[in-house]
Amino acid sequence: MRLREEADGQAREIRANAREEAREITSDAHVAAREVLDEGTEVSRNLRELSVSLRNNAERLLRDITLAHGGMTARLDQVSADAREEPARPRADGELCGPREDGR
């Protein structure tokens, strides 16, 4: 009987220790999970902000390129139109030649 009481006492002590250890492990796991969630949320927020910034810069760059392309195209069209409108002129030897090489 005494042996049984000692075994029951040891079993209770072992169970109590196991419960306490399980509580500590669970508590540590909850803390670690909260930290990971917080860090993940921050990384996600930073990536979202980076995405918005990159999109804005890409749109600005595309607008600038479109404006530059339009300006260059307009200048090329103007030079082409000027070249077509300028009549042939006589050279010093009497032959006709096309528009002046300096674009005027």
PDB file of N, CA and C in Angstrom:
ATOM      1  N   MET A   1       0.811  -1.188   0.000  1.00  0.00           N
ATOM      2  CA  MET A   1       0.000   0.000   0.000  1.00  0.00           C
ATOM      3  C   MET A   1       0.860   1.260   0.000  1.00  0.00           C
ATOM      4  N   ARG A   2       1.915   1.228   0.820  1.00  0.00           N
ATOM      5  CA  ARG A   2       2.779   2.384   0.889  1.00  0.00           C
ATOM      6  C   ARG A   2       3.473   2.610  -0.451  1.00  0.00           C
ATOM      7  N   LEU A   3       3.864   1.580  -1.111  1.00  0.00           N
ATOM      8  CA  LEU A   3       4.502   1.668  -2.421  1.00  0.00           C
ATOM      9  C   LEU A   3       3.543   2.320  -3.423  1.00  0.00           C
ATOM     10  N   ARG A   4       2.297   1.922  -3.303  1.00  0.00           N
ATOM     11  CA  ARG A   4       1.288   2.497  -4.201  1.00  0.00           C
ATOM     12  C   ARG A   4       1.126   3.985  -3.941  1.00  0.00           C
ATOM     13  N   GLU A   5       1.101   4.395  -2.690  1.00  0.00           N
ATOM     14  CA  GLU A   5       0.967   5.817  -2.355  1.00  0.00           C
ATOM     15  C   GLU A   5       2.173   6.612  -2.853  1.00  0.00           C
ATOM     16  N   GLU A   6       3.354   6.055  -2.745  1.00  0.00           N
ATOM     17  CA  GLU A   6       4.546   6.725  -3.258  1.00  0.00           C
ATOM     18  C   GLU A   6       4.472   6.871  -4.771  1.00  0.00           C
ATOM     19  N   ALA A   7       4.028   5.815  -5.449  1.00  0.00           N
ATOM     20  CA  ALA A   7       3.901   5.852  -6.910  1.00  0.00           C
ATOM     21  C   ALA A   7       2.866   6.890  -7.326  1.00  0.00           C
ATOM     22  N   ASP A   8       1.749   6.951  -6.614  1.00  0.00           N
ATOM     23  CA  ASP A   8       0.712   7.957  -6.921  1.00  0.00           C
ATOM     24  C   ASP A   8       1.254   9.363  -6.691  1.00  0.00           C
ATOM     25  N   GLY A   9       2.007   9.561  -5.635  1.00  0.00           N
ATOM     26  CA  GLY A   9       2.595  10.878  -5.351  1.00  0.00           C
ATOM     27  C   GLY A   9       3.575  11.295  -6.439  1.00  0.00           C
ATOM     28  N   GLN A  10       4.414  10.357  -6.855  1.00  0.00           N
ATOM     29  CA  GLN A  10       5.363  10.650  -7.930  1.00  0.00           C
ATOM     30  C   GLN A  10       4.622  10.939  -9.232  1.00  0.00           C
ATOM     31  N   ALA A  11       3.576  10.204  -9.497  1.00  0.00           N
ATOM     32  CA  ALA A  11       2.789  10.414 -10.724  1.00  0.00           C
ATOM     33  C   ALA A  11       2.159  11.802 -10.714  1.00  0.00           C
ATOM     34  N   ARG A  12       1.608  12.196  -9.526  1.00  0.00           N
ATOM     35  CA  ARG A  12       1.020  13.540  -9.438  1.00  0.00           C
ATOM     36  C   ARG A  12       2.083  14.617  -9.672  1.00  0.00           C
ATOM     37  N   GLU A  13       3.243  14.415  -9.093  1.00  0.00           N
ATOM     38  CA  GLU A  13       4.330  15.387  -9.251  1.00  0.00           C
ATOM     39  C   GLU A  13       4.787  15.459 -10.711  1.00  0.00           C
ATOM     40  N   ILE A  14       4.917  14.318 -11.324  1.00  0.00           N
ATOM     41  CA  ILE A  14       5.328  14.274 -12.744  1.00  0.00           C
ATOM     42  C   ILE A  14       4.277  14.962 -13.615  1.00  0.00           C
ATOM     43  N   ARG A  15       2.987  14.694 -13.363  1.00  0.00           N
ATOM     44  CA  ARG A  15       1.914  15.341 -14.134  1.00  0.00           C
ATOM     45  C   ARG A  15       1.932  16.853 -13.928  1.00  0.00           C
ATOM     46  N   ALA A  16       2.118  17.293 -12.677  1.00  0.00           N
ATOM     47  CA  ALA A  16       2.159  18.726 -12.387  1.00  0.00           C
ATOM     48  C   ALA A  16       3.338  19.386 -13.117  1.00  0.00           C
ATOM     49  N   ASN A  17       4.482  18.738 -13.067  1.00  0.00           N
ATOM     50  CA  ASN A  17       5.655  19.271 -13.773  1.00  0.00           C
ATOM     51  C   ASN A  17       5.414  19.303 -15.288  1.00  0.00           C
ATOM     52  N   ALA A  18       4.798  18.254 -15.807  1.00  0.00           N
ATOM     53  CA  ALA A  18       4.510  18.194 -17.241  1.00  0.00           C
ATOM     54  C   ALA A  18       3.540  19.296 -17.646  1.00  0.00           C
ATOM     55  N   ARG A  19       2.510  19.523 -16.818  1.00  0.00           N
ATOM     56  CA  ARG A  19       1.552  20.602 -17.119  1.00  0.00           C
ATOM     57  C   ARG A  19       2.247  21.968 -17.120  1.00  0.00           C
ATOM     58  N   GLU A  20       3.077  22.203 -16.116  1.00  0.00           N
ATOM     59  CA  GLU A  20       3.792  23.481 -16.030  1.00  0.00           C
ATOM     60  C   GLU A  20       4.712  23.663 -17.228  1.00  0.00           C
ATOM     61  N   GLU A  21       5.426  22.616 -17.582  1.00  0.00           N
ATOM     62  CA  GLU A  21       6.317  22.689 -18.753  1.00  0.00           C
ATOM     63  C   GLU A  21       5.513  22.925 -20.032  1.00  0.00           C
ATOM     64  N   ALA A  22       4.371  22.273 -20.157  1.00  0.00           N
ATOM     65  CA  ALA A  22       3.506  22.460 -21.331  1.00  0.00           C
ATOM     66  C   ALA A  22       2.999  23.897 -21.386  1.00  0.00           C
ATOM     67  N   ARG A  23       2.623  24.471 -20.238  1.00  0.00           N
ATOM     68  CA  ARG A  23       2.178  25.880 -20.199  1.00  0.00           C
ATOM     69  C   ARG A  23       3.295  26.810 -20.665  1.00  0.00           C
ATOM     70  N   GLU A  24       4.512  26.577 -20.175  1.00  0.00           N
ATOM     71  CA  GLU A  24       5.643  27.422 -20.561  1.00  0.00           C
ATOM     72  C   GLU A  24       5.927  27.315 -22.057  1.00  0.00           C
ATOM     73  N   ILE A  25       5.924  26.079 -22.557  1.00  0.00           N
ATOM     74  CA  ILE A  25       6.173  25.877 -23.992  1.00  0.00           C
ATOM     75  C   ILE A  25       5.080  26.553 -24.819  1.00  0.00           C
ATOM     76  N   THR A  26       3.825  26.378 -24.411  1.00  0.00           N
ATOM     77  CA  THR A  26       2.706  26.995 -25.128  1.00  0.00           C
ATOM     78  C   THR A  26       2.797  28.516 -25.077  1.00  0.00           C
ATOM     79  N   SER A  27       3.130  29.047 -23.907  1.00  0.00           N
ATOM     80  CA  SER A  27       3.278  30.501 -23.763  1.00  0.00           C
ATOM     81  C   SER A  27       4.387  31.025 -24.668  1.00  0.00           C
ATOM     82  N   ASP A  28       5.533  30.338 -24.672  1.00  0.00           N
ATOM     83  CA  ASP A  28       6.647  30.741 -25.542  1.00  0.00           C
ATOM     84  C   ASP A  28       6.244  30.665 -27.019  1.00  0.00           C
ATOM     85  N   ALA A  29       5.492  29.637 -27.363  1.00  0.00           N
ATOM     86  CA  ALA A  29       5.040  29.484 -28.757  1.00  0.00           C
ATOM     87  C   ALA A  29       4.104  30.619 -29.145  1.00  0.00           C
ATOM     88  N   HIS A  30       3.214  31.030 -28.241  1.00  0.00           N
ATOM     89  CA  HIS A  30       2.309  32.153 -28.528  1.00  0.00           C
ATOM     90  C   HIS A  30       3.095  33.447 -28.720  1.00  0.00           C
ATOM     91  N   VAL A  31       4.095  33.666 -27.878  1.00  0.00           N
ATOM     92  CA  VAL A  31       4.928  34.870 -28.001  1.00  0.00           C
ATOM     93  C   VAL A  31       5.651  34.861 -29.350  1.00  0.00           C
ATOM     94  N   ALA A  32       6.245  33.725 -29.703  1.00  0.00           N
ATOM     95  CA  ALA A  32       6.962  33.623 -30.978  1.00  0.00           C
ATOM     96  C   ALA A  32       6.020  33.826 -32.162  1.00  0.00           C
ATOM     97  N   ALA A  33       4.817  33.260 -32.073  1.00  0.00           N
ATOM     98  CA  ALA A  33       3.837  33.409 -33.164  1.00  0.00           C
ATOM     99  C   ALA A  33       3.429  34.869 -33.315  1.00  0.00           C
ATOM    100  N   ARG A  34       3.217  35.572 -32.185  1.00  0.00           N
ATOM    101  CA  ARG A  34       2.867  36.998 -32.251  1.00  0.00           C
ATOM    102  C   ARG A  34       3.982  37.810 -32.890  1.00  0.00           C
ATOM    103  N   GLU A  35       5.229  37.505 -32.515  1.00  0.00           N
ATOM    104  CA  GLU A  35       6.368  38.225 -33.091  1.00  0.00           C
ATOM    105  C   GLU A  35       6.473  37.991 -34.596  1.00  0.00           C
ATOM    106  N   VAL A  36       6.306  36.746 -35.015  1.00  0.00           N
ATOM    107  CA  VAL A  36       6.359  36.424 -36.446  1.00  0.00           C
ATOM    108  C   VAL A  36       5.230  37.124 -37.189  1.00  0.00           C
ATOM    109  N   LEU A  37       4.031  37.122 -36.612  1.00  0.00           N
ATOM    110  CA  LEU A  37       2.895  37.794 -37.243  1.00  0.00           C
ATOM    111  C   LEU A  37       3.151  39.289 -37.359  1.00  0.00           C
ATOM    112  N   ASP A  38       3.668  39.905 -36.298  1.00  0.00           N
ATOM    113  CA  ASP A  38       3.967  41.343 -36.335  1.00  0.00           C
ATOM    114  C   ASP A  38       5.007  41.664 -37.399  1.00  0.00           C
ATOM    115  N   GLU A  39       6.075  40.864 -37.444  1.00  0.00           N
ATOM    116  CA  GLU A  39       7.117  41.094 -38.448  1.00  0.00           C
ATOM    117  C   GLU A  39       6.583  40.877 -39.858  1.00  0.00           C
ATOM    118  N   GLY A  40       5.785  39.843 -40.038  1.00  0.00           N
ATOM    119  CA  GLY A  40       5.195  39.576 -41.354  1.00  0.00           C
ATOM    120  C   GLY A  40       4.272  40.695 -41.791  1.00  0.00           C
ATOM    121  N   THR A  41       3.513  41.221 -40.840  1.00  0.00           N
ATOM    122  CA  THR A  41       2.613  42.338 -41.151  1.00  0.00           C
ATOM    123  C   THR A  41       3.414  43.563 -41.564  1.00  0.00           C
ATOM    124  N   GLU A  42       4.513  43.829 -40.869  1.00  0.00           N
ATOM    125  CA  GLU A  42       5.355  44.970 -41.215  1.00  0.00           C
ATOM    126  C   GLU A  42       5.993  44.795 -42.596  1.00  0.00           C
ATOM    127  N   VAL A  43       6.488  43.605 -42.876  1.00  0.00           N
ATOM    128  CA  VAL A  43       7.074  43.336 -44.196  1.00  0.00           C
ATOM    129  C   VAL A  43       6.020  43.513 -45.285  1.00  0.00           C
ATOM    130  N   SER A  44       4.835  43.015 -45.042  1.00  0.00           N
ATOM    131  CA  SER A  44       3.745  43.145 -46.015  1.00  0.00           C
ATOM    132  C   SER A  44       3.410  44.613 -46.259  1.00  0.00           C
ATOM    133  N   ARG A  45       3.340  45.393 -45.186  1.00  0.00           N
ATOM    134  CA  ARG A  45       3.030  46.825 -45.315  1.00  0.00           C
ATOM    135  C   ARG A  45       4.142  47.527 -46.101  1.00  0.00           C
ATOM    136  N   ASN A  46       5.404  47.199 -45.798  1.00  0.00           N
ATOM    137  CA  ASN A  46       6.522  47.808 -46.522  1.00  0.00           C
ATOM    138  C   ASN A  46       6.502  47.444 -47.999  1.00  0.00           C
ATOM    139  N   LEU A  47       6.181  46.191 -48.310  1.00  0.00           N
ATOM    140  CA  LEU A  47       6.094  45.771 -49.713  1.00  0.00           C
ATOM    141  C   LEU A  47       4.961  46.480 -50.441  1.00  0.00           C
ATOM    142  N   ARG A  48       3.845  46.678 -49.745  1.00  0.00           N
ATOM    143  CA  ARG A  48       2.722  47.399 -50.344  1.00  0.00           C
ATOM    144  C   ARG A  48       3.128  48.836 -50.667  1.00  0.00           C
ATOM    145  N   GLU A  49       3.829  49.497 -49.727  1.00  0.00           N
ATOM    146  CA  GLU A  49       4.285  50.865 -49.955  1.00  0.00           C
ATOM    147  C   GLU A  49       5.287  50.921 -51.102  1.00  0.00           C
ATOM    148  N   LEU A  50       6.186  49.937 -51.165  1.00  0.00           N
ATOM    149  CA  LEU A  50       7.154  49.872 -52.257  1.00  0.00           C
ATOM    150  C   LEU A  50       6.440  49.695 -53.591  1.00  0.00           C
ATOM    151  N   SER A  51       5.416  48.856 -53.610  1.00  0.00           N
ATOM    152  CA  SER A  51       4.647  48.626 -54.827  1.00  0.00           C
ATOM    153  C   SER A  51       4.001  49.913 -55.326  1.00  0.00           C
ATOM    154  N   VAL A  52       3.405  50.665 -54.407  1.00  0.00           N
ATOM    155  CA  VAL A  52       2.768  51.935 -54.782  1.00  0.00           C
ATOM    156  C   VAL A  52       3.814  52.897 -55.334  1.00  0.00           C
ATOM    157  N   SER A  53       4.965  52.975 -54.669  1.00  0.00           N
ATOM    158  CA  SER A  53       6.033  53.869 -55.107  1.00  0.00           C
ATOM    159  C   SER A  53       6.544  53.483 -56.493  1.00  0.00           C
ATOM    160  N   LEU A  54       6.779  52.186 -56.703  1.00  0.00           N
ATOM    161  CA  LEU A  54       7.252  51.721 -58.008  1.00  0.00           C
ATOM    162  C   LEU A  54       6.225  51.990 -59.105  1.00  0.00           C
ATOM    163  N   ARG A  55       4.946  51.780 -58.787  1.00  0.00           N
ATOM    164  CA  ARG A  55       3.898  52.039 -59.773  1.00  0.00           C
ATOM    165  C   ARG A  55       3.855  53.524 -60.141  1.00  0.00           C
ATOM    166  N   ASN A  56       3.931  54.397 -59.124  1.00  0.00           N
ATOM    167  CA  ASN A  56       3.918  55.843 -59.383  1.00  0.00           C
ATOM    168  C   ASN A  56       5.118  56.252 -60.225  1.00  0.00           C
ATOM    169  N   ASN A  57       6.301  55.726 -59.891  1.00  0.00           N
ATOM    170  CA  ASN A  57       7.498  56.058 -60.669  1.00  0.00           C
ATOM    171  C   ASN A  57       7.399  55.539 -62.097  1.00  0.00           C
ATOM    172  N   ALA A  58       6.849  54.349 -62.273  1.00  0.00           N
ATOM    173  CA  ALA A  58       6.693  53.788 -63.621  1.00  0.00           C
ATOM    174  C   ALA A  58       5.723  54.634 -64.445  1.00  0.00           C
ATOM    175  N   GLU A  59       4.624  55.064 -63.832  1.00  0.00           N
ATOM    176  CA  GLU A  59       3.657  55.899 -64.550  1.00  0.00           C
ATOM    177  C   GLU A  59       4.286  57.243 -64.922  1.00  0.00           C
ATOM    178  N   ARG A  60       5.046  57.827 -63.995  1.00  0.00           N
ATOM    179  CA  ARG A  60       5.717  59.104 -64.262  1.00  0.00           C
ATOM    180  C   ARG A  60       6.730  58.938 -65.386  1.00  0.00           C
ATOM    181  N   LEU A  61       7.501  57.865 -65.349  1.00  0.00           N
ATOM    182  CA  LEU A  61       8.485  57.599 -66.387  1.00  0.00           C
ATOM    183  C   LEU A  61       7.812  57.392 -67.744  1.00  0.00           C
ATOM    184  N   LEU A  62       6.720  56.659 -67.757  1.00  0.00           N
ATOM    185  CA  LEU A  62       5.994  56.431 -69.004  1.00  0.00           C
ATOM    186  C   LEU A  62       5.453  57.741 -69.575  1.00  0.00           C
ATOM    187  N   ARG A  63       4.920  58.611 -68.700  1.00  0.00           N
ATOM    188  CA  ARG A  63       4.439  59.933 -69.163  1.00  0.00           C
ATOM    189  C   ARG A  63       5.587  60.743 -69.749  1.00  0.00           C
ATOM    190  N   ASP A  64       6.744  60.758 -69.057  1.00  0.00           N
ATOM    191  CA  ASP A  64       7.898  61.515 -69.548  1.00  0.00           C
ATOM    192  C   ASP A  64       8.376  60.990 -70.894  1.00  0.00           C
ATOM    193  N   ILE A  65       8.424  59.669 -71.030  1.00  0.00           N
ATOM    194  CA  ILE A  65       8.862  59.070 -72.290  1.00  0.00           C
ATOM    195  C   ILE A  65       7.864  59.393 -73.402  1.00  0.00           C
ATOM    196  N   THR A  66       6.578  59.322 -73.083  1.00  0.00           N
ATOM    197  CA  THR A  66       5.549  59.641 -74.083  1.00  0.00           C
ATOM    198  C   THR A  66       5.671  61.088 -74.544  1.00  0.00           C
ATOM    199  N   LEU A  67       5.883  62.004 -73.595  1.00  0.00           N
ATOM    200  CA  LEU A  67       6.052  63.422 -73.961  1.00  0.00           C
ATOM    201  C   LEU A  67       7.311  63.629 -74.793  1.00  0.00           C
ATOM    202  N   ALA A  68       8.416  63.005 -74.406  1.00  0.00           N
ATOM    203  CA  ALA A  68       9.662  63.141 -75.163  1.00  0.00           C
ATOM    204  C   ALA A  68       9.499  62.571 -76.562  1.00  0.00           C
ATOM    205  N   HIS A  69       8.845  61.426 -76.669  1.00  0.00           N
ATOM    206  CA  HIS A  69       8.614  60.811 -77.984  1.00  0.00           C
ATOM    207  C   HIS A  69       7.746  61.720 -78.851  1.00  0.00           C
ATOM    208  N   GLY A  70       6.701  62.267 -78.241  1.00  0.00           N
ATOM    209  CA  GLY A  70       5.827  63.176 -78.997  1.00  0.00           C
ATOM    210  C   GLY A  70       6.584  64.396 -79.490  1.00  0.00           C
ATOM    211  N   GLY A  71       7.445  64.958 -78.641  1.00  0.00           N
ATOM    212  CA  GLY A  71       8.232  66.126 -79.047  1.00  0.00           C
ATOM    213  C   GLY A  71       9.196  65.790 -80.171  1.00  0.00           C
ATOM    214  N   MET A  72       9.875  64.659 -80.074  1.00  0.00           N
ATOM    215  CA  MET A  72      10.821  64.266 -81.127  1.00  0.00           C
ATOM    216  C   MET A  72      10.085  63.983 -82.438  1.00  0.00           C
ATOM    217  N   THR A  73       8.939  63.311 -82.324  1.00  0.00           N
ATOM    218  CA  THR A  73       8.159  63.014 -83.528  1.00  0.00           C
ATOM    219  C   THR A  73       7.678  64.307 -84.191  1.00  0.00           C
ATOM    220  N   ALA A  74       7.240  65.255 -83.380  1.00  0.00           N
ATOM    221  CA  ALA A  74       6.782  66.537 -83.932  1.00  0.00           C
ATOM    222  C   ALA A  74       7.927  67.259 -84.639  1.00  0.00           C
ATOM    223  N   ARG A  75       9.118  67.241 -84.047  1.00  0.00           N
ATOM    224  CA  ARG A  75      10.273  67.886 -84.698  1.00  0.00           C
ATOM    225  C   ARG A  75      10.628  67.187 -85.998  1.00  0.00           C
ATOM    226  N   LEU A  76      10.595  65.868 -86.002  1.00  0.00           N
ATOM    227  CA  LEU A  76      10.886  65.131 -87.239  1.00  0.00           C
ATOM    228  C   LEU A  76       9.839  65.433 -88.310  1.00  0.00           C
ATOM    229  N   ASP A  77       8.574  65.482 -87.905  1.00  0.00           N
ATOM    230  CA  ASP A  77       7.509  65.817 -88.862  1.00  0.00           C
ATOM    231  C   ASP A  77       7.710  67.217 -89.423  1.00  0.00           C
ATOM    232  N   GLN A  78       8.120  68.153 -88.572  1.00  0.00           N
ATOM    233  CA  GLN A  78       8.331  69.533 -89.017  1.00  0.00           C
ATOM    234  C   GLN A  78       9.488  69.603 -90.008  1.00  0.00           C
ATOM    235  N   VAL A  79      10.586  68.936 -89.697  1.00  0.00           N
ATOM    236  CA  VAL A  79      11.741  68.934 -90.603  1.00  0.00           C
ATOM    237  C   VAL A  79      11.350  68.284 -91.923  1.00  0.00           C
ATOM    238  N   SER A  80      10.610  67.196 -91.866  1.00  0.00           N
ATOM    239  CA  SER A  80      10.184  66.502 -93.076  1.00  0.00           C
ATOM    240  C   SER A  80       9.263  67.391 -93.914  1.00  0.00           C
ATOM    241  N   ALA A  81       8.331  68.078 -93.245  1.00  0.00           N
ATOM    242  CA  ALA A  81       7.406  68.963 -93.963  1.00  0.00           C
ATOM    243  C   ALA A  81       8.160  70.129 -94.582  1.00  0.00           C
ATOM    244  N   ASP A  82       9.119  70.708 -93.854  1.00  0.00           N
ATOM    245  CA  ASP A  82       9.913  71.818 -94.382  1.00  0.00           C
ATOM    246  C   ASP A  82      10.699  71.367 -95.607  1.00  0.00           C
ATOM    247  N   ALA A  83      11.247  70.157 -95.574  1.00  0.00           N
ATOM    248  CA  ALA A  83      12.033  69.646 -96.691  1.00  0.00           C
ATOM    249  C   ALA A  83      11.148  69.432 -97.916  1.00  0.00           C
ATOM    250  N   ARG A  84       9.911  68.993 -97.714  1.00  0.00           N
ATOM    251  CA  ARG A  84       9.005  68.763 -98.847  1.00  0.00           C
ATOM    252  C   ARG A  84       8.515  70.074 -99.447  1.00  0.00           C
ATOM    253  N   GLU A  85       8.377  71.104 -98.631  1.00  0.00           N
ATOM    254  CA  GLU A  85       7.836  72.383 -99.109  1.00  0.00           C
ATOM    255  C   GLU A  85       8.870  73.242 -99.807  1.00  0.00           C
ATOM    256  N   GLU A  86      10.153  73.064 -99.520  1.00  0.00           N
ATOM    257  CA  GLU A  86      11.180  73.927-100.105  1.00  0.00           C
ATOM    258  C   GLU A  86      11.387  73.544-101.567  1.00  0.00           C
ATOM    259  N   PRO A  87      11.233  74.490-102.472  1.00  0.00           N
ATOM    260  CA  PRO A  87      11.383  74.184-103.907  1.00  0.00           C
ATOM    261  C   PRO A  87      12.857  73.985-104.269  1.00  0.00           C
ATOM    262  N   ALA A  88      13.059  73.326-105.394  1.00  0.00           N
ATOM    263  CA  ALA A  88      14.414  73.133-105.904  1.00  0.00           C
ATOM    264  C   ALA A  88      14.977  74.500-106.268  1.00  0.00           C
ATOM    265  N   ARG A  89      16.261  74.724-106.084  1.00  0.00           N
ATOM    266  CA  ARG A  89      16.900  76.013-106.376  1.00  0.00           C
ATOM    267  C   ARG A  89      18.096  75.763-107.309  1.00  0.00           C
ATOM    268  N   PRO A  90      18.449  76.732-108.073  1.00  0.00           N
ATOM    269  CA  PRO A  90      19.582  76.539-108.998  1.00  0.00           C
ATOM    270  C   PRO A  90      20.914  76.565-108.259  1.00  0.00           C
ATOM    271  N   ARG A  91      21.824  75.725-108.702  1.00  0.00           N
ATOM    272  CA  ARG A  91      23.178  75.741-108.158  1.00  0.00           C
ATOM    273  C   ARG A  91      23.984  76.763-108.937  1.00  0.00           C
ATOM    274  N   ALA A  92      25.191  76.945-108.488  1.00  0.00           N
ATOM    275  CA  ALA A  92      26.059  77.933-109.152  1.00  0.00           C
ATOM    276  C   ALA A  92      26.320  77.544-110.600  1.00  0.00           C
ATOM    277  N   ASP A  93      26.318  76.261-110.924  1.00  0.00           N
ATOM    278  CA  ASP A  93      26.587  75.839-112.306  1.00  0.00           C
ATOM    279  C   ASP A  93      25.319  75.776-113.154  1.00  0.00           C
ATOM    280  N   GLY A  94      24.158  76.193-112.554  1.00  0.00           N
ATOM    281  CA  GLY A  94      22.919  76.250-113.305  1.00  0.00           C
ATOM    282  C   GLY A  94      22.029  75.040-113.145  1.00  0.00           C
ATOM    283  N   GLU A  95      22.530  73.961-112.556  1.00  0.00           N
ATOM    284  CA  GLU A  95      21.717  72.772-112.326  1.00  0.00           C
ATOM    285  C   GLU A  95      20.774  73.022-111.152  1.00  0.00           C
ATOM    286  N   LEU A  96      19.600  72.347-111.154  1.00  0.00           N
ATOM    287  CA  LEU A  96      18.674  72.453-110.033  1.00  0.00           C
ATOM    288  C   LEU A  96      19.098  71.481-108.921  1.00  0.00           C
ATOM    289  N   CYS A  97      18.935  71.902-107.696  1.00  0.00           N
ATOM    290  CA  CYS A  97      19.232  71.007-106.583  1.00  0.00           C
ATOM    291  C   CYS A  97      18.093  71.068-105.600  1.00  0.00           C
ATOM    292  N   GLY A  98      18.063  70.141-104.642  1.00  0.00           N
ATOM    293  CA  GLY A  98      16.994  70.063-103.639  1.00  0.00           C
ATOM    294  C   GLY A  98      17.207  71.060-102.511  1.00  0.00           C
ATOM    295  N   PRO A  99      16.575  70.814-101.394  1.00  0.00           N
ATOM    296  CA  PRO A  99      16.659  71.738-100.246  1.00  0.00           C
ATOM    297  C   PRO A  99      18.102  71.859 -99.762  1.00  0.00           C
ATOM    298  N   ARG A 100      18.377  72.962 -99.109  1.00  0.00           N
ATOM    299  CA  ARG A 100      19.717  73.208 -98.575  1.00  0.00           C
ATOM    300  C   ARG A 100      20.054  72.171 -97.515  1.00  0.00           C
ATOM    301  N   GLU A 101      21.308  71.841 -97.405  1.00  0.00           N
ATOM    302  CA  GLU A 101      21.717  70.824 -96.446  1.00  0.00           C
ATOM    303  C   GLU A 101      21.614  71.298 -95.020  1.00  0.00           C
ATOM    304  N   ASP A 102      21.567  72.619 -94.770  1.00  0.00           N
ATOM    305  CA  ASP A 102      21.478  73.085 -93.386  1.00  0.00           C
ATOM    306  C   ASP A 102      20.034  73.085 -92.893  1.00  0.00           C
ATOM    307  N   GLY A 103      19.093  72.552 -93.666  1.00  0.00           N
ATOM    308  CA  GLY A 103      17.697  72.402 -93.247  1.00  0.00           C
ATOM    309  C   GLY A 103      16.868  73.637 -93.471  1.00  0.00           C
ATOM    310  N   ARG A 104      17.416  74.699 -94.046  1.00  0.00           N
ATOM    311  CA  ARG A 104      16.620  75.921 -94.282  1.00  0.00           C
ATOM    312  C   ARG A 104      16.205  76.030 -95.706  1.00  0.00           C
TER     313      ARG A 104
END
